[in-house]
C-alpha atoms as a PDB file:
ATOM      1  CA  UNK A   1      98.366 142.417  41.417  1.00  0.00           C
ATOM      2  CA  UNK A   2      98.229 139.335  43.660  1.00  0.00           C
ATOM      3  CA  UNK A   3     100.454 139.554  46.741  1.00  0.00           C
ATOM      4  CA  UNK A   4     102.381 136.423  47.748  1.00  0.00           C
ATOM      5  CA  UNK A   5     104.348 136.045  50.980  1.00  0.00           C
ATOM      6  CA  UNK A   6     107.268 133.593  51.167  1.00  0.00           C
ATOM      7  CA  UNK A   7     108.548 132.511  54.569  1.00  0.00           C
ATOM      8  CA  UNK A   8     111.837 130.664  54.008  1.00  0.00           C
ATOM      9  CA  UNK A   9     114.964 130.847  56.157  1.00  0.00           C
ATOM     10  CA  UNK A  10     117.504 129.919  53.458  1.00  0.00           C
ATOM     11  CA  UNK A  11     118.342 133.202  51.751  1.00  0.00           C
ATOM     12  CA  UNK A  12     119.371 131.767  48.368  1.00  0.00           C
ATOM     13  CA  UNK A  13     116.205 129.662  48.069  1.00  0.00           C
ATOM     14  CA  UNK A  14     114.046 132.544  49.285  1.00  0.00           C
ATOM     15  CA  UNK A  15     115.443 134.958  46.729  1.00  0.00           C
ATOM     16  CA  UNK A  16     115.213 132.364  43.954  1.00  0.00           C
ATOM     17  CA  UNK A  17     111.501 131.774  44.562  1.00  0.00           C
ATOM     18  CA  UNK A  18     110.918 135.523  44.896  1.00  0.00           C
ATOM     19  CA  UNK A  19     112.552 136.250  41.549  1.00  0.00           C
ATOM     20  CA  UNK A  20     110.640 133.506  39.721  1.00  0.00           C
ATOM     21  CA  UNK A  21     107.267 134.582  41.143  1.00  0.00           C
ATOM     22  CA  UNK A  22     107.922 138.235  40.340  1.00  0.00           C
ATOM     23  CA  UNK A  23     108.653 137.207  36.767  1.00  0.00           C
ATOM     24  CA  UNK A  24     105.159 135.679  36.728  1.00  0.00           C
ATOM     25  CA  UNK A  25     103.650 139.053  37.636  1.00  0.00           C
ATOM     26  CA  UNK A  26     103.139 138.553  41.357  1.00  0.00           C
ATOM     27  CA  UNK A  27     104.047 141.053  44.057  1.00  0.00           C
ATOM     28  CA  UNK A  28     106.256 139.125  46.495  1.00  0.00           C
ATOM     29  CA  UNK A  29     107.275 139.831  50.083  1.00  0.00           C
ATOM     30  CA  UNK A  30     109.861 137.476  51.595  1.00  0.00           C
ATOM     31  CA  UNK A  31     110.566 136.782  55.273  1.00  0.00           C
ATOM     32  CA  UNK A  32     113.347 134.701  56.891  1.00  0.00           C
ATOM     33  CA  UNK A  33     111.522 133.644  60.064  1.00  0.00           C
ATOM     34  CA  UNK A  34     108.170 133.387  61.798  1.00  0.00           C
ATOM     35  CA  UNK A  35     108.313 136.542  64.007  1.00  0.00           C
ATOM     36  CA  UNK A  36     109.085 138.961  61.157  1.00  0.00           C
ATOM     37  CA  UNK A  37     106.463 137.323  58.959  1.00  0.00           C
ATOM     38  CA  UNK A  38     103.832 137.436  61.689  1.00  0.00           C
ATOM     39  CA  UNK A  39     104.588 141.090  62.415  1.00  0.00           C
ATOM     40  CA  UNK A  40     103.945 141.913  58.768  1.00  0.00           C
ATOM     41  CA  UNK A  41     100.804 139.741  58.572  1.00  0.00           C
ATOM     42  CA  UNK A  42      99.271 141.509  61.579  1.00  0.00           C
ATOM     43  CA  UNK A  43      99.486 144.733  59.569  1.00  0.00           C
ATOM     44  CA  UNK A  44      98.359 143.316  56.237  1.00  0.00           C
ATOM     45  CA  UNK A  45      97.625 139.813  55.041  1.00  0.00           C
ATOM     46  CA  UNK A  46      98.973 138.621  51.682  1.00  0.00           C
ATOM     47  CA  UNK A  47      96.698 137.028  49.066  1.00  0.00           C
ATOM     48  CA  UNK A  48      98.598 133.726  49.450  1.00  0.00           C
ATOM     49  CA  UNK A  49     101.345 132.452  51.758  1.00  0.00           C
ATOM     50  CA  UNK A  50     104.120 129.956  50.960  1.00  0.00           C
ATOM     51  CA  UNK A  51     105.699 128.583  54.128  1.00  0.00           C
ATOM     52  CA  UNK A  52     108.622 126.313  54.972  1.00  0.00           C
ATOM     53  CA  UNK A  53     108.268 124.227  58.146  1.00  0.00           C
ATOM     54  CA  UNK A  54     111.698 124.586  59.737  1.00  0.00           C
ATOM     55  CA  UNK A  55     112.416 128.290  60.215  1.00  0.00           C
ATOM     56  CA  UNK A  56     115.812 129.193  61.696  1.00  0.00           C
ATOM     57  CA  UNK A  57     115.854 127.849  65.278  1.00  0.00           C
ATOM     58  CA  UNK A  58     112.190 126.818  65.217  1.00  0.00           C
ATOM     59  CA  UNK A  59     111.940 123.213  63.999  1.00  0.00           C
ATOM     60  CA  UNK A  60     108.182 123.473  63.504  1.00  0.00           C
ATOM     61  CA  UNK A  61     107.962 127.255  63.138  1.00  0.00           C
ATOM     62  CA  UNK A  62     106.001 126.927  59.889  1.00  0.00           C
ATOM     63  CA  UNK A  63     103.330 124.834  61.596  1.00  0.00           C
ATOM     64  CA  UNK A  64     102.966 127.496  64.295  1.00  0.00           C
ATOM     65  CA  UNK A  65     102.801 130.216  61.668  1.00  0.00           C
ATOM     66  CA  UNK A  66     100.100 128.329  59.753  1.00  0.00           C
ATOM     67  CA  UNK A  67      97.966 128.103  62.899  1.00  0.00           C
ATOM     68  CA  UNK A  68      98.392 131.819  63.557  1.00  0.00           C
ATOM     69  CA  UNK A  69      97.459 132.687  59.977  1.00  0.00           C
ATOM     70  CA  UNK A  70      94.355 130.515  60.147  1.00  0.00           C
ATOM     71  CA  UNK A  71      93.319 132.383  63.308  1.00  0.00           C
ATOM     72  CA  UNK A  72      93.542 135.629  61.330  1.00  0.00           C
ATOM     73  CA  UNK A  73      91.843 134.389  58.171  1.00  0.00           C
ATOM     74  CA  UNK A  74      89.917 131.208  57.394  1.00  0.00           C
ATOM     75  CA  UNK A  75      90.165 131.576  53.617  1.00  0.00           C
ATOM     76  CA  UNK A  76      93.763 132.751  53.010  1.00  0.00           C
ATOM     77  CA  UNK A  77      95.428 130.191  50.671  1.00  0.00           C
ATOM     78  CA  UNK A  78      98.422 128.621  52.429  1.00  0.00           C
ATOM     79  CA  UNK A  79     101.001 126.270  50.860  1.00  0.00           C
ATOM     80  CA  UNK A  80     103.740 124.407  52.675  1.00  0.00           C
ATOM     81  CA  UNK A  81     106.865 124.202  50.501  1.00  0.00           C
ATOM     82  CA  UNK A  82     109.379 122.089  52.369  1.00  0.00           C
ATOM     83  CA  UNK A  83     112.050 119.408  52.180  1.00  0.00           C
ATOM     84  CA  UNK A  84     110.140 117.432  54.830  1.00  0.00           C
ATOM     85  CA  UNK A  85     108.094 115.052  52.730  1.00  0.00           C
ATOM     86  CA  UNK A  86     107.030 112.357  55.214  1.00  0.00           C
ATOM     87  CA  UNK A  87     103.386 111.352  55.420  1.00  0.00           C
ATOM     88  CA  UNK A  88     103.372 112.467  59.061  1.00  0.00           C
ATOM     89  CA  UNK A  89     104.462 116.036  58.225  1.00  0.00           C
ATOM     90  CA  UNK A  90     102.116 116.206  55.240  1.00  0.00           C
ATOM     91  CA  UNK A  91      99.115 115.161  57.317  1.00  0.00           C
ATOM     92  CA  UNK A  92     100.092 117.569  60.113  1.00  0.00           C
ATOM     93  CA  UNK A  93     100.397 120.457  57.682  1.00  0.00           C
ATOM     94  CA  UNK A  94      97.045 119.816  56.028  1.00  0.00           C
ATOM     95  CA  UNK A  95      95.292 119.276  59.354  1.00  0.00           C
ATOM     96  CA  UNK A  96      96.635 122.599  60.606  1.00  0.00           C
ATOM     97  CA  UNK A  97      94.796 124.317  57.772  1.00  0.00           C
ATOM     98  CA  UNK A  98      97.176 124.429  54.806  1.00  0.00           C
ATOM     99  CA  UNK A  99      95.555 124.175  51.365  1.00  0.00           C
ATOM    100  CA  UNK A 100      98.469 122.378  49.731  1.00  0.00           C
ATOM    101  CA  UNK A 101     101.722 120.644  50.677  1.00  0.00           C
ATOM    102  CA  UNK A 102     104.593 120.509  48.196  1.00  0.00           C
ATOM    103  CA  UNK A 103     108.137 119.183  48.269  1.00  0.00           C
ATOM    104  CA  UNK A 104     110.988 121.526  47.370  1.00  0.00           C
ATOM    105  CA  UNK A 105     111.761 119.054  44.612  1.00  0.00           C
ATOM    106  CA  UNK A 106     108.726 120.365  42.735  1.00  0.00           C
ATOM    107  CA  UNK A 107     109.554 122.155  39.489  1.00  0.00           C
ATOM    108  CA  UNK A 108     108.853 125.852  39.067  1.00  0.00           C
ATOM    109  CA  UNK A 109     106.190 125.233  36.367  1.00  0.00           C
ATOM    110  CA  UNK A 110     104.474 122.786  38.734  1.00  0.00           C
ATOM    111  CA  UNK A 111     104.602 125.317  41.595  1.00  0.00           C
ATOM    112  CA  UNK A 112     103.245 128.121  39.390  1.00  0.00           C
ATOM    113  CA  UNK A 113     100.389 125.877  38.217  1.00  0.00           C
ATOM    114  CA  UNK A 114      99.446 124.999  41.817  1.00  0.00           C
ATOM    115  CA  UNK A 115      99.469 128.688  42.773  1.00  0.00           C
ATOM    116  CA  UNK A 116      97.240 129.554  39.824  1.00  0.00           C
ATOM    117  CA  UNK A 117      94.817 126.776  40.811  1.00  0.00           C
ATOM    118  CA  UNK A 118      94.605 128.066  44.369  1.00  0.00           C
ATOM    119  CA  UNK A 119      94.054 131.632  43.185  1.00  0.00           C
ATOM    120  CA  UNK A 120      91.254 130.452  40.842  1.00  0.00           C
ATOM    121  CA  UNK A 121      89.539 128.675  43.717  1.00  0.00           C
ATOM    122  CA  UNK A 122      90.039 131.667  46.016  1.00  0.00           C
ATOM    123  CA  UNK A 123      88.616 134.063  43.412  1.00  0.00           C
ATOM    124  CA  UNK A 124      85.543 131.854  42.941  1.00  0.00           C
ATOM    125  CA  UNK A 125      84.991 131.726  46.702  1.00  0.00           C
ATOM    126  CA  UNK A 126      85.387 135.488  46.944  1.00  0.00           C
ATOM    127  CA  UNK A 127      82.866 136.012  44.146  1.00  0.00           C
ATOM    128  CA  UNK A 128      80.358 133.660  45.797  1.00  0.00           C
ATOM    129  CA  UNK A 129      80.773 135.355  49.157  1.00  0.00           C
ATOM    130  CA  UNK A 130      81.078 138.931  47.964  1.00  0.00           C
ATOM    131  CA  UNK A 131      77.506 139.928  48.815  1.00  0.00           C
ATOM    132  CA  UNK A 132      77.642 138.374  52.289  1.00  0.00           C
ATOM    133  CA  UNK A 133      81.043 139.868  53.061  1.00  0.00           C
ATOM    134  CA  UNK A 134      80.305 143.422  51.977  1.00  0.00           C
ATOM    135  CA  UNK A 135      79.061 145.564  54.849  1.00  0.00           C
ATOM    136  CA  UNK A 136      77.829 149.113  54.216  1.00  0.00           C
ATOM    137  CA  UNK A 137      76.895 151.615  56.920  1.00  0.00           C
ATOM    138  CA  UNK A 138      76.363 155.086  55.423  1.00  0.00           C
ATOM    139  CA  UNK A 139      79.874 156.399  54.705  1.00  0.00           C
ATOM    140  CA  UNK A 140      81.461 153.160  55.930  1.00  0.00           C
ATOM    141  CA  UNK A 141      82.096 150.188  53.654  1.00  0.00           C
ATOM    142  CA  UNK A 142      83.782 147.001  54.859  1.00  0.00           C
ATOM    143  CA  UNK A 143      84.993 144.428  52.339  1.00  0.00           C
ATOM    144  CA  UNK A 144      85.706 141.341  54.443  1.00  0.00           C
ATOM    145  CA  UNK A 145      87.065 139.400  51.469  1.00  0.00           C
ATOM    146  CA  UNK A 146      89.814 141.932  50.952  1.00  0.00           C
ATOM    147  CA  UNK A 147      89.959 142.888  54.641  1.00  0.00           C
ATOM    148  CA  UNK A 148      89.652 146.526  53.621  1.00  0.00           C
ATOM    149  CA  UNK A 149      87.697 149.375  55.209  1.00  0.00           C
ATOM    150  CA  UNK A 150      86.582 152.470  53.298  1.00  0.00           C
ATOM    151  CA  UNK A 151      85.252 155.766  54.637  1.00  0.00           C
ATOM    152  CA  UNK A 152      83.571 157.953  51.998  1.00  0.00           C
ATOM    153  CA  UNK A 153      85.069 155.523  49.457  1.00  0.00           C
ATOM    154  CA  UNK A 154      88.593 156.277  50.666  1.00  0.00           C
ATOM    155  CA  UNK A 155      90.531 153.284  52.070  1.00  0.00           C
ATOM    156  CA  UNK A 156      91.475 153.396  55.750  1.00  0.00           C
ATOM    157  CA  UNK A 157      94.662 151.435  56.401  1.00  0.00           C
ATOM    158  CA  UNK A 158      93.968 149.332  59.483  1.00  0.00           C
ATOM    159  CA  UNK A 159      95.924 146.472  60.993  1.00  0.00           C
ATOM    160  CA  UNK A 160      94.276 143.042  60.981  1.00  0.00           C
ATOM    161  CA  UNK A 161      93.305 143.450  64.649  1.00  0.00           C
ATOM    162  CA  UNK A 162      91.877 146.926  64.037  1.00  0.00           C
ATOM    163  CA  UNK A 163      89.968 145.649  61.005  1.00  0.00           C
ATOM    164  CA  UNK A 164      88.148 142.950  62.998  1.00  0.00           C
ATOM    165  CA  UNK A 165      87.367 145.403  65.801  1.00  0.00           C
ATOM    166  CA  UNK A 166      85.723 147.840  63.368  1.00  0.00           C
ATOM    167  CA  UNK A 167      83.907 144.933  61.728  1.00  0.00           C
ATOM    168  CA  UNK A 168      82.626 143.740  65.124  1.00  0.00           C
ATOM    169  CA  UNK A 169      81.304 147.184  66.021  1.00  0.00           C
ATOM    170  CA  UNK A 170      79.831 148.130  62.642  1.00  0.00           C
ATOM    171  CA  UNK A 171      77.997 144.891  61.882  1.00  0.00           C
ATOM    172  CA  UNK A 172      75.534 145.692  64.680  1.00  0.00           C
ATOM    173  CA  UNK A 173      75.250 149.492  64.959  1.00  0.00           C
ATOM    174  CA  UNK A 174      73.988 150.717  68.317  1.00  0.00           C
ATOM    175  CA  UNK A 175      74.889 147.491  70.145  1.00  0.00           C
ATOM    176  CA  UNK A 176      77.558 147.782  72.823  1.00  0.00           C
ATOM    177  CA  UNK A 177      80.557 145.461  72.523  1.00  0.00           C
ATOM    178  CA  UNK A 178      82.535 144.966  75.697  1.00  0.00           C
ATOM    179  CA  UNK A 179      86.292 144.534  75.626  1.00  0.00           C
ATOM    180  CA  UNK A 180      86.105 140.744  75.989  1.00  0.00           C
ATOM    181  CA  UNK A 181      83.816 140.516  72.951  1.00  0.00           C
ATOM    182  CA  UNK A 182      86.121 142.741  70.927  1.00  0.00           C
ATOM    183  CA  UNK A 183      89.076 140.509  71.843  1.00  0.00           C
ATOM    184  CA  UNK A 184      87.157 137.450  70.672  1.00  0.00           C
ATOM    185  CA  UNK A 185      86.162 139.122  67.407  1.00  0.00           C
ATOM    186  CA  UNK A 186      89.734 140.274  66.768  1.00  0.00           C
ATOM    187  CA  UNK A 187      91.143 136.880  67.851  1.00  0.00           C
ATOM    188  CA  UNK A 188      93.565 138.447  70.312  1.00  0.00           C
ATOM    189  CA  UNK A 189      94.073 138.032  74.042  1.00  0.00           C
ATOM    190  CA  UNK A 190      95.316 141.233  75.667  1.00  0.00           C
ATOM    191  CA  UNK A 191      94.503 143.401  78.655  1.00  0.00           C
ATOM    192  CA  UNK A 192      91.782 146.040  78.648  1.00  0.00           C
ATOM    193  CA  UNK A 193      94.226 148.926  78.268  1.00  0.00           C
ATOM    194  CA  UNK A 194      95.493 147.449  74.988  1.00  0.00           C
ATOM    195  CA  UNK A 195      91.937 147.331  73.625  1.00  0.00           C
ATOM    196  CA  UNK A 196      91.565 150.987  74.629  1.00  0.00           C
ATOM    197  CA  UNK A 197      94.776 151.800  72.743  1.00  0.00           C
ATOM    198  CA  UNK A 198      93.527 149.978  69.640  1.00  0.00           C
ATOM    199  CA  UNK A 199      90.276 151.984  69.686  1.00  0.00           C
ATOM    200  CA  UNK A 200      92.226 155.241  70.012  1.00  0.00           C
ATOM    201  CA  UNK A 201      94.337 154.348  66.987  1.00  0.00           C
ATOM    202  CA  UNK A 202      91.253 153.376  64.983  1.00  0.00           C
ATOM    203  CA  UNK A 203      89.574 156.713  65.745  1.00  0.00           C
ATOM    204  CA  UNK A 204      92.766 158.567  64.856  1.00  0.00           C
ATOM    205  CA  UNK A 205      92.965 156.862  61.464  1.00  0.00           C
ATOM    206  CA  UNK A 206      89.363 157.728  60.611  1.00  0.00           C
ATOM    207  CA  UNK A 207      89.754 161.311  61.837  1.00  0.00           C
ATOM    208  CA  UNK A 208      92.870 161.697  59.677  1.00  0.00           C
ATOM    209  CA  UNK A 209      90.616 161.052  56.693  1.00  0.00           C
ATOM    210  CA  UNK A 210      87.554 162.920  58.050  1.00  0.00           C
ATOM    211  CA  UNK A 211      88.020 165.326  60.954  1.00  0.00           C
ATOM    212  CA  UNK A 212      84.264 165.137  61.718  1.00  0.00           C
ATOM    213  CA  UNK A 213      84.352 161.374  62.255  1.00  0.00           C
ATOM    214  CA  UNK A 214      82.672 160.463  65.553  1.00  0.00           C
ATOM    215  CA  UNK A 215      80.998 157.091  65.025  1.00  0.00           C
ATOM    216  CA  UNK A 216      82.688 155.077  67.794  1.00  0.00           C
ATOM    217  CA  UNK A 217      81.087 155.817  71.154  1.00  0.00           C
ATOM    218  CA  UNK A 218      82.670 154.913  74.478  1.00  0.00           C
ATOM    219  CA  UNK A 219      80.023 153.501  76.807  1.00  0.00           C
ATOM    220  CA  UNK A 220      81.666 153.943  80.182  1.00  0.00           C
ATOM    221  CA  UNK A 221      81.880 150.790  82.254  1.00  0.00           C
ATOM    222  CA  UNK A 222      80.611 148.661  79.364  1.00  0.00           C
ATOM    223  CA  UNK A 223      82.579 149.020  76.138  1.00  0.00           C
ATOM    224  CA  UNK A 224      82.134 150.593  72.707  1.00  0.00           C
ATOM    225  CA  UNK A 225      79.438 150.886  70.062  1.00  0.00           C
ATOM    226  CA  UNK A 226      79.188 152.005  66.455  1.00  0.00           C
ATOM    227  CA  UNK A 227      76.921 155.054  66.241  1.00  0.00           C
ATOM    228  CA  UNK A 228      76.037 155.881  62.618  1.00  0.00           C
ATOM    229  CA  UNK A 229      74.612 159.210  63.804  1.00  0.00           C
ATOM    230  CA  UNK A 230      77.896 160.189  65.447  1.00  0.00           C
END
């Protein structure tokens, strides 16, 4: 089931869209503002995001959210659904990385058709990229299209940051990644101790699934590396 996120600060409108989309067979998560949406997206990205521009006290909160989402994923379909229909706002939204820009005056059938078109395009892109975005290292499988990691064919639930860190390490087994490189790969800017904490949580999640897991080596003074023989 496709997962759609709606970020809309007006409760009645938010719930109305949610109900209509659920009736169309989508799984829908709704958020009233940018911080709560971003917190959820850092744990798991939706398959498509519908965003208003003005979000509570943030006049351009939707624009900021769009930029943050694009930093996490270059191919996540994003639609602005807003009452702001000036050419200036439309151009801004599309330049920030949105795939579509719709007025709230749009009918529900029109909105549903645009969503279906975006999902068709996304599915075709995923199919074309599936071979390139599937990484297999013995018991480890990484599906970059779905941003999902498997160990012995069992999914490991990682946050978006943790996913990109594992991806960075596993795509070149045996090569040491320092903390700065891991930050760049995960598109985050934090101190070294936070990177250390992320690695600890990643190990813990793998060990919870396989107590013998030992594939992430700490190379003291340098960083970390994926060791398939671990």
